[in-house]
Amino acid sequence: MLKKRLHQVLSEKIIYLSLLILWTISISQVVYNLMNEKLANPEEVPRSLSYAWILSGDSSGSFLFIMLVLLFPLSSLPFSLHLLKEKNNFFSYFYLIRSSKKTYLNSMLLTNSIISIFVTLSTLFLNIYLNSLFFPLIKPNEFTDYMRAYPLIPGQTFSQELFKNHPLINMLMYIGIALIYVLLINNLILLLGYFVNKQMYLFSLAVIFPFILLVIPIKHKLSPLVTLSVHAYNVSLISTSILFLCLFGIILSLYYYILRHTE
């Protein structure tokens, strides 16, 4: 069932449109870096890939905001729209006859997760690869980045240690956090979309819900827009973990509700 679902989603035009939009943003950010002669460091200091990639707040915050606003809907819609079409054409009953509802739901979530991971990783790694052609992955400079990598206050956090001495691991950590957000939010959109019968409502759900999650909790440092911006590395990992657990709890509740109380 999984292989067939993936083949069906990959035959839809929406996934290629999503990739085109996100890859365009990713490439545009690289072009912006090349046209802009100054990032966080003076010109005489070699700029590091740590500053240049799209999740770095030292590059252009507008690209980070645009990508995160579009990443969740564009990575969730390909399979959500396919599922809506499948439900409206009563193909879902065909799958339910051949398998149990639990198997059907699990295949939905697994397929959506694979598509979401592919769209997210391809966008981020494309940006990292293109930026790496022009910006080396070097450690932050001790003198020009003392406010972050070398704070004036005694001691340093775990994130500061990674940023200062292990830039590659630091980037991989942020990619991992981005994937967790994408999987949680996109699967939540998918399960909420189970109760939607029109494309307009699904589009609205896929756009409005992530946007609210991005914008509303900013002051409390819960927003993915804050957490996924590398220059905001000092966000509370406890608060972020609580948000992850809340989203996972909602997903689990919807999963069992659909499993037990819907036709």
C-alpha atoms as a PDB file:
ATOM      1  CA  MET A   1       0.000   0.000   0.000  1.00  0.00           C
ATOM      2  CA  LEU A   2       2.859   2.389   0.837  1.00  0.00           C
ATOM      3  CA  LYS A   3       4.584   1.905  -2.513  1.00  0.00           C
ATOM      4  CA  LYS A   4       1.324   2.461  -4.386  1.00  0.00           C
ATOM      5  CA  ARG A   5       0.534   5.604  -2.386  1.00  0.00           C
ATOM      6  CA  LEU A   6       3.974   7.080  -3.027  1.00  0.00           C
ATOM      7  CA  HIS A   7       3.603   6.379  -6.736  1.00  0.00           C
ATOM      8  CA  GLN A   8       0.187   8.072  -6.764  1.00  0.00           C
ATOM      9  CA  VAL A   9       1.446  11.185  -4.959  1.00  0.00           C
ATOM     10  CA  LEU A  10       4.511  11.441  -7.215  1.00  0.00           C
ATOM     11  CA  SER A  11       2.199  11.393 -10.221  1.00  0.00           C
ATOM     12  CA  GLU A  12       0.446  14.548  -8.967  1.00  0.00           C
ATOM     13  CA  LYS A  13       1.602  17.956 -10.233  1.00  0.00           C
ATOM     14  CA  ILE A  14       1.257  19.635  -6.826  1.00  0.00           C
ATOM     15  CA  ILE A  15       4.385  18.009  -5.413  1.00  0.00           C
ATOM     16  CA  TYR A  16       6.521  19.303  -8.282  1.00  0.00           C
ATOM     17  CA  LEU A  17       4.998  22.763  -7.915  1.00  0.00           C
ATOM     18  CA  SER A  18       5.828  22.659  -4.191  1.00  0.00           C
ATOM     19  CA  LEU A  19       9.416  21.646  -4.914  1.00  0.00           C
ATOM     20  CA  LEU A  20       9.756  24.333  -7.586  1.00  0.00           C
ATOM     21  CA  ILE A  21       8.612  27.079  -5.202  1.00  0.00           C
ATOM     22  CA  LEU A  22      10.779  25.949  -2.278  1.00  0.00           C
ATOM     23  CA  TRP A  23      13.854  25.338  -4.455  1.00  0.00           C
ATOM     24  CA  THR A  24      13.397  28.790  -5.997  1.00  0.00           C
ATOM     25  CA  ILE A  25      13.438  30.334  -2.511  1.00  0.00           C
ATOM     26  CA  SER A  26      16.490  28.252  -1.626  1.00  0.00           C
ATOM     27  CA  ILE A  27      18.399  29.318  -4.755  1.00  0.00           C
ATOM     28  CA  SER A  28      17.296  32.951  -4.392  1.00  0.00           C
ATOM     29  CA  GLN A  29      18.787  33.052  -0.903  1.00  0.00           C
ATOM     30  CA  VAL A  30      22.144  31.908  -2.300  1.00  0.00           C
ATOM     31  CA  VAL A  31      21.991  34.602  -4.990  1.00  0.00           C
ATOM     32  CA  TYR A  32      21.183  37.160  -2.297  1.00  0.00           C
ATOM     33  CA  ASN A  33      24.251  36.061  -0.320  1.00  0.00           C
ATOM     34  CA  LEU A  34      26.475  36.487  -3.358  1.00  0.00           C
ATOM     35  CA  MET A  35      25.055  39.922  -4.181  1.00  0.00           C
ATOM     36  CA  ASN A  36      25.181  41.115  -0.596  1.00  0.00           C
ATOM     37  CA  GLU A  37      28.793  41.871   0.336  1.00  0.00           C
ATOM     38  CA  LYS A  38      28.227  41.970   4.091  1.00  0.00           C
ATOM     39  CA  LEU A  39      26.697  39.447   6.434  1.00  0.00           C
ATOM     40  CA  ALA A  40      27.399  39.525  10.159  1.00  0.00           C
ATOM     41  CA  ASN A  41      31.156  39.788   9.651  1.00  0.00           C
ATOM     42  CA  PRO A  42      33.289  42.564   8.100  1.00  0.00           C
ATOM     43  CA  GLU A  43      34.465  41.975   4.557  1.00  0.00           C
ATOM     44  CA  GLU A  44      38.037  41.173   5.571  1.00  0.00           C
ATOM     45  CA  VAL A  45      36.900  38.135   7.588  1.00  0.00           C
ATOM     46  CA  PRO A  46      36.097  34.979   5.553  1.00  0.00           C
ATOM     47  CA  ARG A  47      32.400  34.237   5.823  1.00  0.00           C
ATOM     48  CA  SER A  48      31.465  30.809   7.052  1.00  0.00           C
ATOM     49  CA  LEU A  49      28.758  28.538   5.761  1.00  0.00           C
ATOM     50  CA  SER A  50      27.421  28.727   9.318  1.00  0.00           C
ATOM     51  CA  TYR A  51      26.406  32.326   8.572  1.00  0.00           C
ATOM     52  CA  ALA A  52      25.339  31.812   4.976  1.00  0.00           C
ATOM     53  CA  TRP A  53      22.800  28.970   4.882  1.00  0.00           C
ATOM     54  CA  ILE A  54      19.090  29.715   4.868  1.00  0.00           C
ATOM     55  CA  LEU A  55      18.369  28.888   8.519  1.00  0.00           C
ATOM     56  CA  SER A  56      21.013  31.370   9.667  1.00  0.00           C
ATOM     57  CA  GLY A  57      19.593  34.649  10.935  1.00  0.00           C
ATOM     58  CA  ASP A  58      22.877  36.287   9.868  1.00  0.00           C
ATOM     59  CA  SER A  59      22.021  35.924   6.197  1.00  0.00           C
ATOM     60  CA  SER A  60      18.565  37.272   5.434  1.00  0.00           C
ATOM     61  CA  GLY A  61      15.785  36.902   7.954  1.00  0.00           C
ATOM     62  CA  SER A  62      13.206  37.500   5.238  1.00  0.00           C
ATOM     63  CA  PHE A  63      14.241  34.321   3.391  1.00  0.00           C
ATOM     64  CA  LEU A  64      14.024  32.352   6.642  1.00  0.00           C
ATOM     65  CA  PHE A  65      10.526  33.717   7.294  1.00  0.00           C
ATOM     66  CA  ILE A  66       9.299  33.128   3.727  1.00  0.00           C
ATOM     67  CA  MET A  67      10.662  29.590   3.656  1.00  0.00           C
ATOM     68  CA  LEU A  68       9.135  28.609   7.006  1.00  0.00           C
ATOM     69  CA  VAL A  69       5.773  30.165   6.154  1.00  0.00           C
ATOM     70  CA  LEU A  70       5.650  28.188   2.890  1.00  0.00           C
ATOM     71  CA  LEU A  71       7.511  25.028   3.958  1.00  0.00           C
ATOM     72  CA  PHE A  72       4.734  23.538   6.078  1.00  0.00           C
ATOM     73  CA  PRO A  73       1.818  24.014   3.643  1.00  0.00           C
ATOM     74  CA  LEU A  74       3.864  23.111   0.559  1.00  0.00           C
ATOM     75  CA  SER A  75       5.258  19.950   2.130  1.00  0.00           C
ATOM     76  CA  SER A  76       1.907  18.858   3.595  1.00  0.00           C
ATOM     77  CA  LEU A  77      -0.430  19.636   0.685  1.00  0.00           C
ATOM     78  CA  PRO A  78       0.806  17.064  -1.891  1.00  0.00           C
ATOM     79  CA  PHE A  79      -0.447  14.068   0.064  1.00  0.00           C
ATOM     80  CA  SER A  80      -3.279  15.893   1.881  1.00  0.00           C
ATOM     81  CA  LEU A  81      -4.816  16.952  -1.436  1.00  0.00           C
ATOM     82  CA  HIS A  82      -4.385  13.445  -2.808  1.00  0.00           C
ATOM     83  CA  LEU A  83      -6.120  12.042   0.260  1.00  0.00           C
ATOM     84  CA  LEU A  84      -8.978  14.538  -0.100  1.00  0.00           C
ATOM     85  CA  LYS A  85      -9.443  13.527  -3.757  1.00  0.00           C
ATOM     86  CA  GLU A  86      -9.319   9.890  -2.740  1.00  0.00           C
ATOM     87  CA  LYS A  87     -11.964  10.419  -0.065  1.00  0.00           C
ATOM     88  CA  ASN A  88     -14.297  12.415  -2.326  1.00  0.00           C
ATOM     89  CA  ASN A  89     -14.045   9.723  -5.008  1.00  0.00           C
ATOM     90  CA  PHE A  90     -14.737   7.003  -2.407  1.00  0.00           C
ATOM     91  CA  PHE A  91     -11.414   5.288  -3.068  1.00  0.00           C
ATOM     92  CA  SER A  92     -10.818   5.309   0.688  1.00  0.00           C
ATOM     93  CA  TYR A  93     -13.548   2.679   1.067  1.00  0.00           C
ATOM     94  CA  PHE A  94     -11.653   0.472  -1.358  1.00  0.00           C
ATOM     95  CA  TYR A  95      -8.569   0.630   0.890  1.00  0.00           C
ATOM     96  CA  LEU A  96     -10.665   0.061   4.019  1.00  0.00           C
ATOM     97  CA  ILE A  97     -12.262  -3.052   2.512  1.00  0.00           C
ATOM     98  CA  ARG A  98      -8.847  -4.509   1.696  1.00  0.00           C
ATOM     99  CA  SER A  99      -7.291  -3.590   5.056  1.00  0.00           C
ATOM    100  CA  SER A 100      -8.176  -2.378   8.537  1.00  0.00           C
ATOM    101  CA  LYS A 101      -8.713   1.275   9.437  1.00  0.00           C
ATOM    102  CA  LYS A 102      -5.539   1.210  11.556  1.00  0.00           C
ATOM    103  CA  THR A 103      -3.492   0.026   8.585  1.00  0.00           C
ATOM    104  CA  TYR A 104      -5.129   2.696   6.435  1.00  0.00           C
ATOM    105  CA  LEU A 105      -4.319   5.484   8.926  1.00  0.00           C
ATOM    106  CA  ASN A 106      -0.765   4.251   9.438  1.00  0.00           C
ATOM    107  CA  SER A 107      -0.143   4.212   5.675  1.00  0.00           C
ATOM    108  CA  MET A 108      -1.521   7.762   5.473  1.00  0.00           C
ATOM    109  CA  LEU A 109       0.816   9.056   8.178  1.00  0.00           C
ATOM    110  CA  LEU A 110       3.846   7.144   6.884  1.00  0.00           C
ATOM    111  CA  THR A 111       3.362   8.321   3.290  1.00  0.00           C
ATOM    112  CA  ASN A 112       2.826  11.912   4.422  1.00  0.00           C
ATOM    113  CA  SER A 113       5.957  11.726   6.590  1.00  0.00           C
ATOM    114  CA  ILE A 114       8.103  10.414   3.725  1.00  0.00           C
ATOM    115  CA  ILE A 115       6.870  13.106   1.338  1.00  0.00           C
ATOM    116  CA  SER A 116       7.361  15.828   3.961  1.00  0.00           C
ATOM    117  CA  ILE A 117      10.902  14.661   4.778  1.00  0.00           C
ATOM    118  CA  PHE A 118      11.827  14.516   1.089  1.00  0.00           C
ATOM    119  CA  VAL A 119      10.528  18.017   0.351  1.00  0.00           C
ATOM    120  CA  THR A 120      12.190  19.494   3.452  1.00  0.00           C
ATOM    121  CA  LEU A 121      15.578  17.811   3.122  1.00  0.00           C
ATOM    122  CA  SER A 122      15.857  18.444  -0.611  1.00  0.00           C
ATOM    123  CA  THR A 123      15.207  22.157  -0.023  1.00  0.00           C
ATOM    124  CA  LEU A 124      17.659  22.524   2.868  1.00  0.00           C
ATOM    125  CA  PHE A 125      20.430  20.399   1.363  1.00  0.00           C
ATOM    126  CA  LEU A 126      20.144  22.198  -1.977  1.00  0.00           C
ATOM    127  CA  ASN A 127      20.640  25.496  -0.165  1.00  0.00           C
ATOM    128  CA  ILE A 128      23.551  24.143   1.890  1.00  0.00           C
ATOM    129  CA  TYR A 129      25.256  22.646  -1.167  1.00  0.00           C
ATOM    130  CA  LEU A 130      24.994  25.820  -3.263  1.00  0.00           C
ATOM    131  CA  ASN A 131      26.147  28.021  -0.391  1.00  0.00           C
ATOM    132  CA  SER A 132      29.062  25.660   0.317  1.00  0.00           C
ATOM    133  CA  LEU A 133      30.390  26.325  -3.195  1.00  0.00           C
ATOM    134  CA  PHE A 134      31.106  29.911  -2.122  1.00  0.00           C
ATOM    135  CA  PHE A 135      31.334  29.896   1.677  1.00  0.00           C
ATOM    136  CA  PRO A 136      33.654  27.496   3.555  1.00  0.00           C
ATOM    137  CA  LEU A 137      32.493  25.652   6.656  1.00  0.00           C
ATOM    138  CA  ILE A 138      34.897  27.313   9.103  1.00  0.00           C
ATOM    139  CA  LYS A 139      34.546  28.012  12.794  1.00  0.00           C
ATOM    140  CA  PRO A 140      33.212  31.427  13.877  1.00  0.00           C
ATOM    141  CA  ASN A 141      35.846  34.098  14.275  1.00  0.00           C
ATOM    142  CA  GLU A 142      36.839  34.836  17.871  1.00  0.00           C
ATOM    143  CA  PHE A 143      37.001  38.599  17.457  1.00  0.00           C
ATOM    144  CA  THR A 144      34.090  39.383  15.162  1.00  0.00           C
ATOM    145  CA  ASP A 145      31.584  37.040  16.754  1.00  0.00           C
ATOM    146  CA  TYR A 146      32.339  37.456  20.429  1.00  0.00           C
ATOM    147  CA  MET A 147      28.764  38.480  21.264  1.00  0.00           C
ATOM    148  CA  ARG A 148      27.495  35.043  20.323  1.00  0.00           C
ATOM    149  CA  ALA A 149      30.213  32.429  20.098  1.00  0.00           C
ATOM    150  CA  TYR A 150      32.343  34.135  22.739  1.00  0.00           C
ATOM    151  CA  PRO A 151      29.861  35.813  25.116  1.00  0.00           C
ATOM    152  CA  LEU A 152      31.024  38.401  27.599  1.00  0.00           C
ATOM    153  CA  ILE A 153      29.365  36.543  30.452  1.00  0.00           C
ATOM    154  CA  PRO A 154      31.236  33.587  31.996  1.00  0.00           C
ATOM    155  CA  GLY A 155      30.417  30.127  30.693  1.00  0.00           C
ATOM    156  CA  GLN A 156      28.605  29.025  27.555  1.00  0.00           C
ATOM    157  CA  THR A 157      25.585  26.977  26.651  1.00  0.00           C
ATOM    158  CA  PHE A 158      25.547  23.662  24.797  1.00  0.00           C
ATOM    159  CA  SER A 159      24.333  25.443  21.644  1.00  0.00           C
ATOM    160  CA  GLN A 160      27.138  27.998  21.881  1.00  0.00           C
ATOM    161  CA  GLU A 161      29.664  25.184  22.204  1.00  0.00           C
ATOM    162  CA  LEU A 162      28.304  23.511  19.059  1.00  0.00           C
ATOM    163  CA  PHE A 163      28.181  26.777  17.129  1.00  0.00           C
ATOM    164  CA  LYS A 164      31.730  27.703  18.094  1.00  0.00           C
ATOM    165  CA  ASN A 165      33.570  24.405  17.784  1.00  0.00           C
ATOM    166  CA  HIS A 166      31.351  22.048  15.762  1.00  0.00           C
ATOM    167  CA  PRO A 167      29.551  24.048  13.045  1.00  0.00           C
ATOM    168  CA  LEU A 168      28.613  20.982  10.969  1.00  0.00           C
ATOM    169  CA  ILE A 169      27.017  19.208  13.948  1.00  0.00           C
ATOM    170  CA  ASN A 170      25.277  22.478  14.804  1.00  0.00           C
ATOM    171  CA  MET A 171      23.752  22.667  11.305  1.00  0.00           C
ATOM    172  CA  LEU A 172      22.663  19.020  11.450  1.00  0.00           C
ATOM    173  CA  MET A 173      21.017  19.683  14.818  1.00  0.00           C
ATOM    174  CA  TYR A 174      18.904  22.492  13.337  1.00  0.00           C
ATOM    175  CA  ILE A 175      17.989  20.312  10.349  1.00  0.00           C
ATOM    176  CA  GLY A 176      16.867  17.641  12.819  1.00  0.00           C
ATOM    177  CA  ILE A 177      14.712  20.153  14.727  1.00  0.00           C
ATOM    178  CA  ALA A 178      13.218  21.348  11.420  1.00  0.00           C
ATOM    179  CA  LEU A 179      12.298  17.762  10.495  1.00  0.00           C
ATOM    180  CA  ILE A 180      10.576  17.215  13.851  1.00  0.00           C
ATOM    181  CA  TYR A 181       8.515  20.380  13.325  1.00  0.00           C
ATOM    182  CA  VAL A 182       7.629  19.379   9.768  1.00  0.00           C
ATOM    183  CA  LEU A 183       6.580  15.854  10.743  1.00  0.00           C
ATOM    184  CA  LEU A 184       4.456  17.004  13.683  1.00  0.00           C
ATOM    185  CA  ILE A 185       2.759  19.939  11.949  1.00  0.00           C
ATOM    186  CA  ASN A 186       2.200  18.185   8.613  1.00  0.00           C
ATOM    187  CA  ASN A 187       0.740  15.050  10.172  1.00  0.00           C
ATOM    188  CA  LEU A 188      -1.493  17.229  12.328  1.00  0.00           C
ATOM    189  CA  ILE A 189      -2.687  19.028   9.179  1.00  0.00           C
ATOM    190  CA  LEU A 190      -3.281  15.635   7.545  1.00  0.00           C
ATOM    191  CA  LEU A 191      -5.408  14.342  10.417  1.00  0.00           C
ATOM    192  CA  LEU A 192      -7.377  17.589  10.671  1.00  0.00           C
ATOM    193  CA  GLY A 193      -7.869  17.403   6.905  1.00  0.00           C
ATOM    194  CA  TYR A 194      -9.569  14.046   7.431  1.00  0.00           C
ATOM    195  CA  PHE A 195     -12.645  16.042   8.530  1.00  0.00           C
ATOM    196  CA  VAL A 196     -12.509  18.435   5.533  1.00  0.00           C
ATOM    197  CA  ASN A 197     -14.377  17.823   2.272  1.00  0.00           C
ATOM    198  CA  LYS A 198     -13.367  20.830   0.173  1.00  0.00           C
ATOM    199  CA  GLN A 199     -10.010  21.887  -1.259  1.00  0.00           C
ATOM    200  CA  MET A 200     -10.508  25.508  -0.159  1.00  0.00           C
ATOM    201  CA  TYR A 201     -10.866  24.444   3.480  1.00  0.00           C
ATOM    202  CA  LEU A 202      -7.796  22.223   3.236  1.00  0.00           C
ATOM    203  CA  PHE A 203      -5.726  25.036   1.695  1.00  0.00           C
ATOM    204  CA  SER A 204      -6.876  27.393   4.454  1.00  0.00           C
ATOM    205  CA  LEU A 205      -6.025  24.842   7.135  1.00  0.00           C
ATOM    206  CA  ALA A 206      -2.571  24.141   5.665  1.00  0.00           C
ATOM    207  CA  VAL A 207      -1.699  27.858   5.479  1.00  0.00           C
ATOM    208  CA  ILE A 208      -3.384  29.420   8.511  1.00  0.00           C
ATOM    209  CA  PHE A 209      -2.519  26.835  11.171  1.00  0.00           C
ATOM    210  CA  PRO A 210       1.297  26.850  10.615  1.00  0.00           C
ATOM    211  CA  PHE A 211       1.255  30.661  10.250  1.00  0.00           C
ATOM    212  CA  ILE A 212      -0.452  31.035  13.641  1.00  0.00           C
ATOM    213  CA  LEU A 213       2.057  28.634  15.166  1.00  0.00           C
ATOM    214  CA  LEU A 214       4.893  30.669  13.634  1.00  0.00           C
ATOM    215  CA  VAL A 215       3.713  34.120  14.647  1.00  0.00           C
ATOM    216  CA  ILE A 216       1.633  33.896  17.834  1.00  0.00           C
ATOM    217  CA  PRO A 217       4.165  32.305  20.250  1.00  0.00           C
ATOM    218  CA  ILE A 218       7.190  34.391  19.188  1.00  0.00           C
ATOM    219  CA  LYS A 219       7.319  36.427  22.403  1.00  0.00           C
ATOM    220  CA  HIS A 220       7.383  33.224  24.426  1.00  0.00           C
ATOM    221  CA  LYS A 221      10.148  31.688  22.280  1.00  0.00           C
ATOM    222  CA  LEU A 222       7.937  28.756  21.247  1.00  0.00           C
ATOM    223  CA  SER A 223       7.620  29.636  17.579  1.00  0.00           C
ATOM    224  CA  PRO A 224       9.489  27.521  14.989  1.00  0.00           C
ATOM    225  CA  LEU A 225      10.454  30.870  13.458  1.00  0.00           C
ATOM    226  CA  VAL A 226      12.543  31.550  16.571  1.00  0.00           C
ATOM    227  CA  THR A 227      13.701  28.015  17.276  1.00  0.00           C
ATOM    228  CA  LEU A 228      14.854  27.357  13.707  1.00  0.00           C
ATOM    229  CA  SER A 229      16.769  30.622  13.361  1.00  0.00           C
ATOM    230  CA  VAL A 230      20.379  29.727  14.157  1.00  0.00           C
ATOM    231  CA  HIS A 231      21.176  33.144  15.613  1.00  0.00           C
ATOM    232  CA  ALA A 232      18.406  32.568  18.186  1.00  0.00           C
ATOM    233  CA  TYR A 233      20.204  29.514  19.565  1.00  0.00           C
ATOM    234  CA  ASN A 234      19.498  30.558  23.147  1.00  0.00           C
ATOM    235  CA  VAL A 235      15.812  29.582  23.005  1.00  0.00           C
ATOM    236  CA  SER A 236      14.618  27.293  25.755  1.00  0.00           C
ATOM    237  CA  LEU A 237      14.984  23.651  24.813  1.00  0.00           C
ATOM    238  CA  ILE A 238      12.507  22.851  27.592  1.00  0.00           C
ATOM    239  CA  SER A 239       9.835  25.097  26.046  1.00  0.00           C
ATOM    240  CA  THR A 240      10.494  23.635  22.599  1.00  0.00           C
ATOM    241  CA  SER A 241      10.233  20.098  23.970  1.00  0.00           C
ATOM    242  CA  ILE A 242       6.931  20.998  25.645  1.00  0.00           C
ATOM    243  CA  LEU A 243       5.599  22.281  22.298  1.00  0.00           C
ATOM    244  CA  PHE A 244       6.724  19.054  20.600  1.00  0.00           C
ATOM    245  CA  LEU A 245       4.934  16.978  23.254  1.00  0.00           C
ATOM    246  CA  CYS A 246       1.757  19.087  22.940  1.00  0.00           C
ATOM    247  CA  LEU A 247       1.671  18.657  19.149  1.00  0.00           C
ATOM    248  CA  PHE A 248       2.363  14.940  19.497  1.00  0.00           C
ATOM    249  CA  GLY A 249      -0.418  14.646  22.091  1.00  0.00           C
ATOM    250  CA  ILE A 250      -2.907  16.339  19.751  1.00  0.00           C
ATOM    251  CA  ILE A 251      -1.862  14.049  16.885  1.00  0.00           C
ATOM    252  CA  LEU A 252      -2.266  10.978  19.083  1.00  0.00           C
ATOM    253  CA  SER A 253      -5.695  12.132  20.259  1.00  0.00           C
ATOM    254  CA  LEU A 254      -6.904  12.765  16.705  1.00  0.00           C
ATOM    255  CA  TYR A 255      -5.476   9.422  15.574  1.00  0.00           C
ATOM    256  CA  TYR A 256      -7.437   7.442  18.155  1.00  0.00           C
ATOM    257  CA  TYR A 257     -10.558   9.554  17.643  1.00  0.00           C
ATOM    258  CA  ILE A 258     -10.534   8.807  13.898  1.00  0.00           C
ATOM    259  CA  LEU A 259      -9.746   5.177  14.607  1.00  0.00           C
ATOM    260  CA  ARG A 260     -12.673   4.682  16.981  1.00  0.00           C
ATOM    261  CA  HIS A 261     -15.336   7.243  16.174  1.00  0.00           C
ATOM    262  CA  THR A 262     -15.378   7.841  12.387  1.00  0.00           C
ATOM    263  CA  GLU A 263     -16.609   5.812   9.490  1.00  0.00           C
END
